[in-house]
Amino acid sequence: MLAVVLSLAAAIAFSLSATLIAGLKGQVGPFQLGRWQMGLAFAMTAAASVVLGGWRGVTGGQFWFLAASSASGIMLASTTYFAAIHAAGPRVTAVLFSLAAPFGLILGYLFLGEVVNALQGAGIALILAGILMAVLIADPGDRPTRPLWQGVILGVITSLGQAGGSLLARPAMAEGVEPFTAMAIRSGLGFAFYVALMALPFARAARLPDLQGLRAIGGSAFLGIFLGMSLMMAALAVGNVGIVATLTSTTPVLILPLIWISTGKAPALPGWIGAGLAVLGTALISLGT
C-alpha cells in the first residue's frame, strides 16, 4: 500500500511540474530545459543527501545501478521524448509514453521475477485504458512535423528507456539507498550529459529565459525531479516495477483538473471517463496489494 501512495504522490508532483513547463510556451528549447532542470535538481537533491547523510551508505554496486538507471531513464528517455514530441506531437507521444507501464511489468517479470495478482492486473489494465481515454482527446494544435512512424519509434524507445530506468534503480532502492541520494546520482549524471550535449550546435541555448521562465523551470525541477522522482525512487524501494510504472504514468489523467483550473476550460467527456477508469484501477491495485 505504501508503494501505491508514494507512486500516486509522485504522479501528482509530475502533473504540477508539467503545468509549469507548459506555461513556458517555448521560451526555452528542450535541451536547455533539461540542462536547467537537471542542474537545479542535482543541487537540491545533493543538498538533501548531505543533510540526511544518505551518501555515506552508497556502495559501488548501487552507484553503478543508479548510473545505468540515469543513462536509460534520463539520458536516453528524456532525449527521445523531446524528439518524439517534435516528430509526432504531444498527444501521440503521451499515448506511447504510457507503454512504460506494460514494459515495466514485462521487464520486472523477466529480470526480477516480479508478478502481479489478478486484481492488480485488472487495475493496471483499467489505468492504461483511462490514460488512453484522457490523452486521445483531439487537439487541433497537435500537428506532427515528421512522418508518424518516426514519432512512434521514438515514443516506444522513450517508454522502454523509462521502464528500464525504473528496473535498473530497483535493486539499489531495495537495498536501502536513500531516495534523495539516488536522485542526486541520477540527476547529477543527467546534468553532465546535457552539459556535454552543448558541444552540438542544436543543443545550445538560443536565448536565456526571463525571470518568470526561470521561476517556472525552478518550480518544475523542484516538483518534478526533487520531489516527484525522489518519491518514485522511494516507491521502487517497497513496490514492484510494473505497478510503480503504471501509477506514476497517470500524469495525463491527473493533469486534467489542473488544466481546468488554469484555463477555465473543462476537459471533454472522454477525459472524465478516463479519470474514472484510472481511479477504479488504482482502487483495484490497492485492494490487491
C-alpha atoms as a PDB file:
ATOM      1  CA  MET A   1       0.000   0.000   0.000  1.00  0.00           C
ATOM      2  CA  LEU A   2       2.892   2.369   0.736  1.00  0.00           C
ATOM      3  CA  ALA A   3       4.169   1.933  -2.836  1.00  0.00           C
ATOM      4  CA  VAL A   4       0.717   2.935  -4.160  1.00  0.00           C
ATOM      5  CA  VAL A   5       0.627   6.111  -2.047  1.00  0.00           C
ATOM      6  CA  LEU A   6       4.199   7.084  -2.967  1.00  0.00           C
ATOM      7  CA  SER A   7       3.615   6.412  -6.684  1.00  0.00           C
ATOM      8  CA  LEU A   8       0.427   8.492  -6.778  1.00  0.00           C
ATOM      9  CA  ALA A   9       2.137  11.311  -4.877  1.00  0.00           C
ATOM     10  CA  ALA A  10       4.918  11.205  -7.486  1.00  0.00           C
ATOM     11  CA  ALA A  11       2.355  11.362 -10.309  1.00  0.00           C
ATOM     12  CA  ILE A  12       0.705  14.416  -8.702  1.00  0.00           C
ATOM     13  CA  ALA A  13       4.107  16.112  -8.456  1.00  0.00           C
ATOM     14  CA  PHE A  14       4.786  15.278 -12.130  1.00  0.00           C
ATOM     15  CA  SER A  15       1.419  16.817 -13.079  1.00  0.00           C
ATOM     16  CA  LEU A  16       2.146  20.053 -11.225  1.00  0.00           C
ATOM     17  CA  SER A  17       5.591  20.195 -12.834  1.00  0.00           C
ATOM     18  CA  ALA A  18       4.071  19.660 -16.282  1.00  0.00           C
ATOM     19  CA  THR A  19       1.705  22.624 -15.857  1.00  0.00           C
ATOM     20  CA  LEU A  20       4.682  24.875 -15.055  1.00  0.00           C
ATOM     21  CA  ILE A  21       6.595  23.629 -18.106  1.00  0.00           C
ATOM     22  CA  ALA A  22       3.529  24.210 -20.306  1.00  0.00           C
ATOM     23  CA  GLY A  23       3.489  27.816 -19.091  1.00  0.00           C
ATOM     24  CA  LEU A  24       6.936  28.404 -20.603  1.00  0.00           C
ATOM     25  CA  LYS A  25       5.307  28.410 -24.064  1.00  0.00           C
ATOM     26  CA  GLY A  26       8.523  27.647 -25.929  1.00  0.00           C
ATOM     27  CA  GLN A  27      10.719  30.203 -24.128  1.00  0.00           C
ATOM     28  CA  VAL A  28      13.469  27.585 -23.877  1.00  0.00           C
ATOM     29  CA  GLY A  29      14.406  24.634 -26.059  1.00  0.00           C
ATOM     30  CA  PRO A  30      14.094  21.052 -24.802  1.00  0.00           C
ATOM     31  CA  PHE A  31      17.827  20.540 -24.261  1.00  0.00           C
ATOM     32  CA  GLN A  32      18.204  23.856 -22.464  1.00  0.00           C
ATOM     33  CA  LEU A  33      15.184  22.950 -20.314  1.00  0.00           C
ATOM     34  CA  GLY A  34      16.682  19.551 -19.490  1.00  0.00           C
ATOM     35  CA  ARG A  35      20.021  21.147 -18.613  1.00  0.00           C
ATOM     36  CA  TRP A  36      18.460  23.721 -16.265  1.00  0.00           C
ATOM     37  CA  GLN A  37      16.120  21.194 -14.665  1.00  0.00           C
ATOM     38  CA  MET A  38      18.833  18.603 -14.054  1.00  0.00           C
ATOM     39  CA  GLY A  39      21.296  21.183 -12.744  1.00  0.00           C
ATOM     40  CA  LEU A  40      18.795  22.650 -10.283  1.00  0.00           C
ATOM     41  CA  ALA A  41      17.505  19.210  -9.279  1.00  0.00           C
ATOM     42  CA  PHE A  42      21.053  17.987  -8.666  1.00  0.00           C
ATOM     43  CA  ALA A  43      21.750  20.957  -6.388  1.00  0.00           C
ATOM     44  CA  MET A  44      18.534  20.295  -4.428  1.00  0.00           C
ATOM     45  CA  THR A  45      18.892  16.528  -4.108  1.00  0.00           C
ATOM     46  CA  ALA A  46      22.625  16.699  -3.328  1.00  0.00           C
ATOM     47  CA  ALA A  47      21.928  19.202  -0.529  1.00  0.00           C
ATOM     48  CA  ALA A  48      19.201  16.925   0.869  1.00  0.00           C
ATOM     49  CA  SER A  49      21.545  13.937   0.648  1.00  0.00           C
ATOM     50  CA  VAL A  50      24.264  15.773   2.586  1.00  0.00           C
ATOM     51  CA  VAL A  51      21.797  16.896   5.274  1.00  0.00           C
ATOM     52  CA  LEU A  52      20.337  13.387   5.648  1.00  0.00           C
ATOM     53  CA  GLY A  53      23.699  11.652   5.316  1.00  0.00           C
ATOM     54  CA  GLY A  54      22.383   9.312   2.638  1.00  0.00           C
ATOM     55  CA  TRP A  55      25.543   9.471   0.527  1.00  0.00           C
ATOM     56  CA  ARG A  56      27.534   7.651   3.229  1.00  0.00           C
ATOM     57  CA  GLY A  57      25.789   4.324   2.678  1.00  0.00           C
ATOM     58  CA  VAL A  58      26.035   4.081  -1.129  1.00  0.00           C
ATOM     59  CA  THR A  59      28.155   1.155  -2.323  1.00  0.00           C
ATOM     60  CA  GLY A  60      29.943   0.914  -5.658  1.00  0.00           C
ATOM     61  CA  GLY A  61      27.410  -1.598  -6.968  1.00  0.00           C
ATOM     62  CA  GLN A  62      24.463   0.612  -6.010  1.00  0.00           C
ATOM     63  CA  PHE A  63      26.102   3.610  -7.675  1.00  0.00           C
ATOM     64  CA  TRP A  64      26.501   1.737 -10.957  1.00  0.00           C
ATOM     65  CA  PHE A  65      22.890   0.531 -10.903  1.00  0.00           C
ATOM     66  CA  LEU A  66      21.749   4.132 -10.420  1.00  0.00           C
ATOM     67  CA  ALA A  67      24.168   5.370 -13.088  1.00  0.00           C
ATOM     68  CA  ALA A  68      22.715   2.840 -15.538  1.00  0.00           C
ATOM     69  CA  SER A  69      19.225   3.946 -14.461  1.00  0.00           C
ATOM     70  CA  SER A  70      20.178   7.549 -15.269  1.00  0.00           C
ATOM     71  CA  ALA A  71      21.529   6.536 -18.681  1.00  0.00           C
ATOM     72  CA  SER A  72      18.299   4.712 -19.544  1.00  0.00           C
ATOM     73  CA  GLY A  73      15.633   6.822 -17.827  1.00  0.00           C
ATOM     74  CA  ILE A  74      17.143  10.314 -18.200  1.00  0.00           C
ATOM     75  CA  MET A  75      19.800  10.450 -20.904  1.00  0.00           C
ATOM     76  CA  LEU A  76      18.034   8.141 -23.378  1.00  0.00           C
ATOM     77  CA  ALA A  77      14.350   8.508 -22.472  1.00  0.00           C
ATOM     78  CA  SER A  78      14.349  12.294 -21.995  1.00  0.00           C
ATOM     79  CA  THR A  79      16.174  12.905 -25.272  1.00  0.00           C
ATOM     80  CA  THR A  80      13.906  10.625 -27.317  1.00  0.00           C
ATOM     81  CA  TYR A  81      10.857  12.049 -25.503  1.00  0.00           C
ATOM     82  CA  PHE A  82      11.642  15.571 -26.718  1.00  0.00           C
ATOM     83  CA  ALA A  83      12.310  14.225 -30.208  1.00  0.00           C
ATOM     84  CA  ALA A  84       9.047  12.239 -30.183  1.00  0.00           C
ATOM     85  CA  ILE A  85       7.023  15.337 -29.279  1.00  0.00           C
ATOM     86  CA  HIS A  86       8.644  17.172 -32.190  1.00  0.00           C
ATOM     87  CA  ALA A  87       8.021  14.289 -34.599  1.00  0.00           C
ATOM     88  CA  ALA A  88       4.574  13.027 -33.566  1.00  0.00           C
ATOM     89  CA  GLY A  89       3.084  15.752 -31.376  1.00  0.00           C
ATOM     90  CA  PRO A  90       2.389  15.722 -27.617  1.00  0.00           C
ATOM     91  CA  ARG A  91      -0.862  13.712 -27.771  1.00  0.00           C
ATOM     92  CA  VAL A  92       0.562  10.705 -29.635  1.00  0.00           C
ATOM     93  CA  THR A  93       3.727  10.883 -27.536  1.00  0.00           C
ATOM     94  CA  ALA A  94       1.661  10.753 -24.333  1.00  0.00           C
ATOM     95  CA  VAL A  95      -0.092   7.605 -25.584  1.00  0.00           C
ATOM     96  CA  LEU A  96       3.230   5.961 -26.401  1.00  0.00           C
ATOM     97  CA  PHE A  97       4.744   7.087 -23.092  1.00  0.00           C
ATOM     98  CA  SER A  98       2.031   5.123 -21.253  1.00  0.00           C
ATOM     99  CA  LEU A  99       3.615   1.961 -22.678  1.00  0.00           C
ATOM    100  CA  ALA A 100       6.204   2.331 -19.900  1.00  0.00           C
ATOM    101  CA  ALA A 101       3.664   0.561 -17.660  1.00  0.00           C
ATOM    102  CA  PRO A 102       3.402  -2.755 -19.578  1.00  0.00           C
ATOM    103  CA  PHE A 103       7.106  -2.586 -20.421  1.00  0.00           C
ATOM    104  CA  GLY A 104       7.808  -2.209 -16.692  1.00  0.00           C
ATOM    105  CA  LEU A 105       5.666  -5.262 -15.946  1.00  0.00           C
ATOM    106  CA  ILE A 106       7.437  -7.351 -18.582  1.00  0.00           C
ATOM    107  CA  LEU A 107      10.940  -6.270 -17.551  1.00  0.00           C
ATOM    108  CA  GLY A 108      10.142  -6.734 -13.855  1.00  0.00           C
ATOM    109  CA  TYR A 109       8.947 -10.279 -14.535  1.00  0.00           C
ATOM    110  CA  LEU A 110      11.857 -11.213 -16.828  1.00  0.00           C
ATOM    111  CA  PHE A 111      14.709  -9.806 -14.734  1.00  0.00           C
ATOM    112  CA  LEU A 112      13.389  -9.624 -11.160  1.00  0.00           C
ATOM    113  CA  GLY A 113      10.737 -12.356 -11.147  1.00  0.00           C
ATOM    114  CA  GLU A 114       8.040  -9.858 -10.106  1.00  0.00           C
ATOM    115  CA  VAL A 115       4.432 -10.916 -10.679  1.00  0.00           C
ATOM    116  CA  VAL A 116       1.063  -9.246 -10.133  1.00  0.00           C
ATOM    117  CA  ASN A 117      -2.149 -10.878  -8.945  1.00  0.00           C
ATOM    118  CA  ALA A 118      -5.478 -10.818 -10.796  1.00  0.00           C
ATOM    119  CA  LEU A 119      -6.802  -7.706  -9.017  1.00  0.00           C
ATOM    120  CA  GLN A 120      -3.596  -5.781  -9.658  1.00  0.00           C
ATOM    121  CA  GLY A 121      -3.572  -6.890 -13.306  1.00  0.00           C
ATOM    122  CA  ALA A 122      -7.166  -5.704 -13.765  1.00  0.00           C
ATOM    123  CA  GLY A 123      -6.295  -2.403 -12.092  1.00  0.00           C
ATOM    124  CA  ILE A 124      -3.314  -1.865 -14.390  1.00  0.00           C
ATOM    125  CA  ALA A 125      -5.498  -2.567 -17.448  1.00  0.00           C
ATOM    126  CA  LEU A 126      -8.116  -0.035 -16.276  1.00  0.00           C
ATOM    127  CA  ILE A 127      -5.472   2.632 -15.626  1.00  0.00           C
ATOM    128  CA  LEU A 128      -3.963   2.141 -19.092  1.00  0.00           C
ATOM    129  CA  ALA A 129      -7.447   2.416 -20.625  1.00  0.00           C
ATOM    130  CA  GLY A 130      -8.032   5.585 -18.600  1.00  0.00           C
ATOM    131  CA  ILE A 131      -4.757   7.124 -19.761  1.00  0.00           C
ATOM    132  CA  LEU A 132      -5.635   6.377 -23.385  1.00  0.00           C
ATOM    133  CA  MET A 133      -9.077   7.961 -22.957  1.00  0.00           C
ATOM    134  CA  ALA A 134      -7.521  11.056 -21.388  1.00  0.00           C
ATOM    135  CA  VAL A 135      -4.824  11.662 -23.996  1.00  0.00           C
ATOM    136  CA  LEU A 136      -6.766  10.718 -27.119  1.00  0.00           C
ATOM    137  CA  ILE A 137      -8.858  13.874 -26.894  1.00  0.00           C
ATOM    138  CA  ALA A 138      -8.443  15.676 -30.211  1.00  0.00           C
ATOM    139  CA  ASP A 139      -6.201  18.725 -30.113  1.00  0.00           C
ATOM    140  CA  PRO A 140      -6.258  20.939 -33.225  1.00  0.00           C
ATOM    141  CA  GLY A 141      -2.807  22.296 -32.365  1.00  0.00           C
ATOM    142  CA  ASP A 142      -1.244  18.845 -32.203  1.00  0.00           C
ATOM    143  CA  ARG A 143       0.374  18.614 -35.617  1.00  0.00           C
ATOM    144  CA  PRO A 144       3.212  16.131 -36.250  1.00  0.00           C
ATOM    145  CA  THR A 145       6.162  17.656 -38.084  1.00  0.00           C
ATOM    146  CA  ARG A 146       7.597  14.380 -39.426  1.00  0.00           C
ATOM    147  CA  PRO A 147       6.245  11.025 -40.672  1.00  0.00           C
ATOM    148  CA  LEU A 148       4.239   9.380 -37.866  1.00  0.00           C
ATOM    149  CA  TRP A 149       6.324   6.187 -37.890  1.00  0.00           C
ATOM    150  CA  GLN A 150       9.379   8.183 -36.767  1.00  0.00           C
ATOM    151  CA  GLY A 151       7.476   9.539 -33.787  1.00  0.00           C
ATOM    152  CA  VAL A 152       6.151   6.065 -32.937  1.00  0.00           C
ATOM    153  CA  ILE A 153       9.663   4.579 -32.903  1.00  0.00           C
ATOM    154  CA  LEU A 154      10.958   7.430 -30.745  1.00  0.00           C
ATOM    155  CA  GLY A 155       7.974   7.107 -28.394  1.00  0.00           C
ATOM    156  CA  VAL A 156       8.486   3.365 -27.950  1.00  0.00           C
ATOM    157  CA  ILE A 157      12.201   3.926 -27.246  1.00  0.00           C
ATOM    158  CA  THR A 158      11.191   6.541 -24.664  1.00  0.00           C
ATOM    159  CA  SER A 159       8.853   4.092 -22.920  1.00  0.00           C
ATOM    160  CA  LEU A 160      11.458   1.330 -22.919  1.00  0.00           C
ATOM    161  CA  GLY A 161      14.059   3.748 -21.563  1.00  0.00           C
ATOM    162  CA  GLN A 162      11.732   4.910 -18.800  1.00  0.00           C
ATOM    163  CA  ALA A 163      10.821   1.338 -17.833  1.00  0.00           C
ATOM    164  CA  GLY A 164      14.480   0.331 -18.000  1.00  0.00           C
ATOM    165  CA  GLY A 165      15.403   3.238 -15.742  1.00  0.00           C
ATOM    166  CA  SER A 166      12.922   2.046 -13.109  1.00  0.00           C
ATOM    167  CA  LEU A 167      14.096  -1.554 -13.450  1.00  0.00           C
ATOM    168  CA  LEU A 168      17.767  -0.622 -13.020  1.00  0.00           C
ATOM    169  CA  ALA A 169      17.046   1.586  -9.995  1.00  0.00           C
ATOM    170  CA  ARG A 170      15.015  -1.108  -8.223  1.00  0.00           C
ATOM    171  CA  PRO A 171      17.934  -3.256  -6.880  1.00  0.00           C
ATOM    172  CA  ALA A 172      19.704  -0.219  -5.395  1.00  0.00           C
ATOM    173  CA  MET A 173      16.497   1.119  -3.843  1.00  0.00           C
ATOM    174  CA  ALA A 174      15.545  -2.300  -2.451  1.00  0.00           C
ATOM    175  CA  GLU A 175      18.933  -2.370  -0.697  1.00  0.00           C
ATOM    176  CA  GLY A 176      18.048   0.831   1.143  1.00  0.00           C
ATOM    177  CA  VAL A 177      19.611   3.708  -0.802  1.00  0.00           C
ATOM    178  CA  GLU A 178      18.133   6.979   0.461  1.00  0.00           C
ATOM    179  CA  PRO A 179      15.782   8.389  -2.276  1.00  0.00           C
ATOM    180  CA  PHE A 180      17.261  11.915  -2.449  1.00  0.00           C
ATOM    181  CA  THR A 181      20.732  10.401  -2.715  1.00  0.00           C
ATOM    182  CA  ALA A 182      19.551   8.148  -5.539  1.00  0.00           C
ATOM    183  CA  MET A 183      18.170  11.141  -7.409  1.00  0.00           C
ATOM    184  CA  ALA A 184      21.323  13.178  -6.750  1.00  0.00           C
ATOM    185  CA  ILE A 185      23.295  10.466  -8.548  1.00  0.00           C
ATOM    186  CA  ARG A 186      20.768  10.171 -11.386  1.00  0.00           C
ATOM    187  CA  SER A 187      20.235  13.920 -11.897  1.00  0.00           C
ATOM    188  CA  GLY A 188      23.931  14.749 -11.488  1.00  0.00           C
ATOM    189  CA  LEU A 189      24.873  12.357 -14.272  1.00  0.00           C
ATOM    190  CA  GLY A 190      21.927  13.629 -16.324  1.00  0.00           C
ATOM    191  CA  PHE A 191      23.142  17.208 -15.878  1.00  0.00           C
ATOM    192  CA  ALA A 192      26.650  16.213 -17.011  1.00  0.00           C
ATOM    193  CA  PHE A 193      25.090  14.587 -20.082  1.00  0.00           C
ATOM    194  CA  TYR A 194      23.114  17.709 -21.018  1.00  0.00           C
ATOM    195  CA  VAL A 195      26.177  19.908 -20.495  1.00  0.00           C
ATOM    196  CA  ALA A 196      28.188  17.600 -22.780  1.00  0.00           C
ATOM    197  CA  LEU A 197      25.471  17.979 -25.431  1.00  0.00           C
ATOM    198  CA  MET A 198      26.339  21.678 -25.656  1.00  0.00           C
ATOM    199  CA  ALA A 199      29.202  20.585 -27.910  1.00  0.00           C
ATOM    200  CA  LEU A 200      26.482  20.104 -30.547  1.00  0.00           C
ATOM    201  CA  PRO A 201      25.087  23.345 -32.051  1.00  0.00           C
ATOM    202  CA  PHE A 202      21.422  22.258 -31.921  1.00  0.00           C
ATOM    203  CA  ALA A 203      21.603  21.669 -28.139  1.00  0.00           C
ATOM    204  CA  ARG A 204      22.885  25.142 -27.276  1.00  0.00           C
ATOM    205  CA  ALA A 205      20.639  27.833 -25.828  1.00  0.00           C
ATOM    206  CA  ALA A 206      19.333  30.342 -28.343  1.00  0.00           C
ATOM    207  CA  ARG A 207      18.495  32.783 -25.525  1.00  0.00           C
ATOM    208  CA  LEU A 208      18.132  32.806 -21.765  1.00  0.00           C
ATOM    209  CA  PRO A 209      14.633  32.641 -20.227  1.00  0.00           C
ATOM    210  CA  ASP A 210      13.236  35.684 -18.446  1.00  0.00           C
ATOM    211  CA  LEU A 211      12.714  35.819 -14.667  1.00  0.00           C
ATOM    212  CA  GLN A 212       9.240  34.284 -14.898  1.00  0.00           C
ATOM    213  CA  GLY A 213      10.632  31.489 -17.058  1.00  0.00           C
ATOM    214  CA  LEU A 214      13.422  30.818 -14.562  1.00  0.00           C
ATOM    215  CA  ARG A 215      10.845  30.550 -11.783  1.00  0.00           C
ATOM    216  CA  ALA A 216       8.840  28.064 -13.835  1.00  0.00           C
ATOM    217  CA  ILE A 217      11.956  25.988 -14.560  1.00  0.00           C
ATOM    218  CA  GLY A 218      12.972  26.065 -10.893  1.00  0.00           C
ATOM    219  CA  GLY A 219       9.474  25.093  -9.788  1.00  0.00           C
ATOM    220  CA  SER A 220       9.300  22.265 -12.311  1.00  0.00           C
ATOM    221  CA  ALA A 221      12.712  20.966 -11.175  1.00  0.00           C
ATOM    222  CA  PHE A 222      11.582  21.037  -7.542  1.00  0.00           C
ATOM    223  CA  LEU A 223       8.210  19.393  -8.158  1.00  0.00           C
ATOM    224  CA  GLY A 224       9.057  17.003 -10.979  1.00  0.00           C
ATOM    225  CA  ILE A 225      12.561  15.816 -10.082  1.00  0.00           C
ATOM    226  CA  PHE A 226      13.458  16.741  -6.494  1.00  0.00           C
ATOM    227  CA  LEU A 227      10.021  15.748  -5.168  1.00  0.00           C
ATOM    228  CA  GLY A 228       8.368  13.581  -7.850  1.00  0.00           C
ATOM    229  CA  MET A 229      11.330  11.453  -8.903  1.00  0.00           C
ATOM    230  CA  SER A 230      12.507  11.053  -5.292  1.00  0.00           C
ATOM    231  CA  LEU A 231       9.023   9.814  -4.364  1.00  0.00           C
ATOM    232  CA  MET A 232       9.200   7.381  -7.276  1.00  0.00           C
ATOM    233  CA  MET A 233      12.585   6.122  -6.035  1.00  0.00           C
ATOM    234  CA  ALA A 234      11.035   5.609  -2.584  1.00  0.00           C
ATOM    235  CA  ALA A 235       8.145   3.701  -4.201  1.00  0.00           C
ATOM    236  CA  LEU A 236      10.601   1.435  -6.028  1.00  0.00           C
ATOM    237  CA  ALA A 237      12.179   0.570  -2.674  1.00  0.00           C
ATOM    238  CA  VAL A 238       8.950  -1.081  -1.498  1.00  0.00           C
ATOM    239  CA  GLY A 239       6.901  -1.844  -4.629  1.00  0.00           C
ATOM    240  CA  ASN A 240       7.284  -3.777  -7.850  1.00  0.00           C
ATOM    241  CA  VAL A 241       8.441  -2.074 -11.037  1.00  0.00           C
ATOM    242  CA  GLY A 242       5.268  -2.640 -13.076  1.00  0.00           C
ATOM    243  CA  ILE A 243       2.865  -1.217 -10.501  1.00  0.00           C
ATOM    244  CA  VAL A 244       5.071   1.808  -9.783  1.00  0.00           C
ATOM    245  CA  ALA A 245       5.482   2.441 -13.528  1.00  0.00           C
ATOM    246  CA  THR A 246       1.710   2.223 -14.029  1.00  0.00           C
ATOM    247  CA  LEU A 247       0.720   4.537 -11.194  1.00  0.00           C
ATOM    248  CA  THR A 248       3.375   7.135 -11.997  1.00  0.00           C
ATOM    249  CA  SER A 249       2.130   7.134 -15.609  1.00  0.00           C
ATOM    250  CA  THR A 250      -1.255   8.565 -14.555  1.00  0.00           C
ATOM    251  CA  THR A 251       0.010  12.125 -15.060  1.00  0.00           C
ATOM    252  CA  PRO A 252      -2.134  12.673 -18.230  1.00  0.00           C
ATOM    253  CA  VAL A 253      -5.217  11.918 -16.110  1.00  0.00           C
ATOM    254  CA  LEU A 254      -4.188  13.891 -13.027  1.00  0.00           C
ATOM    255  CA  ILE A 255      -3.289  16.950 -15.094  1.00  0.00           C
ATOM    256  CA  LEU A 256      -6.886  17.343 -16.384  1.00  0.00           C
ATOM    257  CA  PRO A 257      -8.265  19.178 -13.313  1.00  0.00           C
ATOM    258  CA  LEU A 258      -5.127  21.344 -13.224  1.00  0.00           C
ATOM    259  CA  ILE A 259      -5.740  22.385 -16.838  1.00  0.00           C
ATOM    260  CA  TRP A 260      -9.368  23.121 -15.951  1.00  0.00           C
ATOM    261  CA  ILE A 261      -8.287  25.336 -13.030  1.00  0.00           C
ATOM    262  CA  SER A 262      -5.617  27.196 -15.021  1.00  0.00           C
ATOM    263  CA  THR A 263      -7.597  27.705 -18.251  1.00  0.00           C
ATOM    264  CA  GLY A 264     -11.200  27.639 -17.038  1.00  0.00           C
ATOM    265  CA  LYS A 265     -11.993  25.101 -19.776  1.00  0.00           C
ATOM    266  CA  ALA A 266     -13.439  21.791 -18.583  1.00  0.00           C
ATOM    267  CA  PRO A 267     -11.981  18.604 -20.121  1.00  0.00           C
ATOM    268  CA  ALA A 268     -14.112  16.746 -22.662  1.00  0.00           C
ATOM    269  CA  LEU A 269     -16.223  13.740 -21.630  1.00  0.00           C
ATOM    270  CA  PRO A 270     -13.559  11.146 -22.634  1.00  0.00           C
ATOM    271  CA  GLY A 271     -11.178  12.812 -20.205  1.00  0.00           C
ATOM    272  CA  TRP A 272     -13.606  12.371 -17.319  1.00  0.00           C
ATOM    273  CA  ILE A 273     -14.268   8.760 -18.298  1.00  0.00           C
ATOM    274  CA  GLY A 274     -10.516   8.173 -18.397  1.00  0.00           C
ATOM    275  CA  ALA A 275     -10.128   9.720 -14.948  1.00  0.00           C
ATOM    276  CA  GLY A 276     -12.873   7.460 -13.596  1.00  0.00           C
ATOM    277  CA  LEU A 277     -11.206   4.368 -15.046  1.00  0.00           C
ATOM    278  CA  ALA A 278      -7.864   5.403 -13.549  1.00  0.00           C
ATOM    279  CA  VAL A 279      -9.436   5.895 -10.102  1.00  0.00           C
ATOM    280  CA  LEU A 280     -11.128   2.488 -10.310  1.00  0.00           C
ATOM    281  CA  GLY A 281      -7.894   0.869 -11.467  1.00  0.00           C
ATOM    282  CA  THR A 282      -5.974   2.443  -8.591  1.00  0.00           C
ATOM    283  CA  ALA A 283      -8.584   1.116  -6.150  1.00  0.00           C
ATOM    284  CA  LEU A 284      -8.174  -2.414  -7.533  1.00  0.00           C
ATOM    285  CA  ILE A 285      -4.384  -2.217  -7.246  1.00  0.00           C
ATOM    286  CA  SER A 286      -4.746  -1.020  -3.643  1.00  0.00           C
ATOM    287  CA  LEU A 287      -7.126  -3.885  -2.812  1.00  0.00           C
ATOM    288  CA  GLY A 288      -4.774  -6.382  -4.425  1.00  0.00           C
ATOM    289  CA  THR A 289      -1.693  -5.127  -2.588  1.00  0.00           C
END
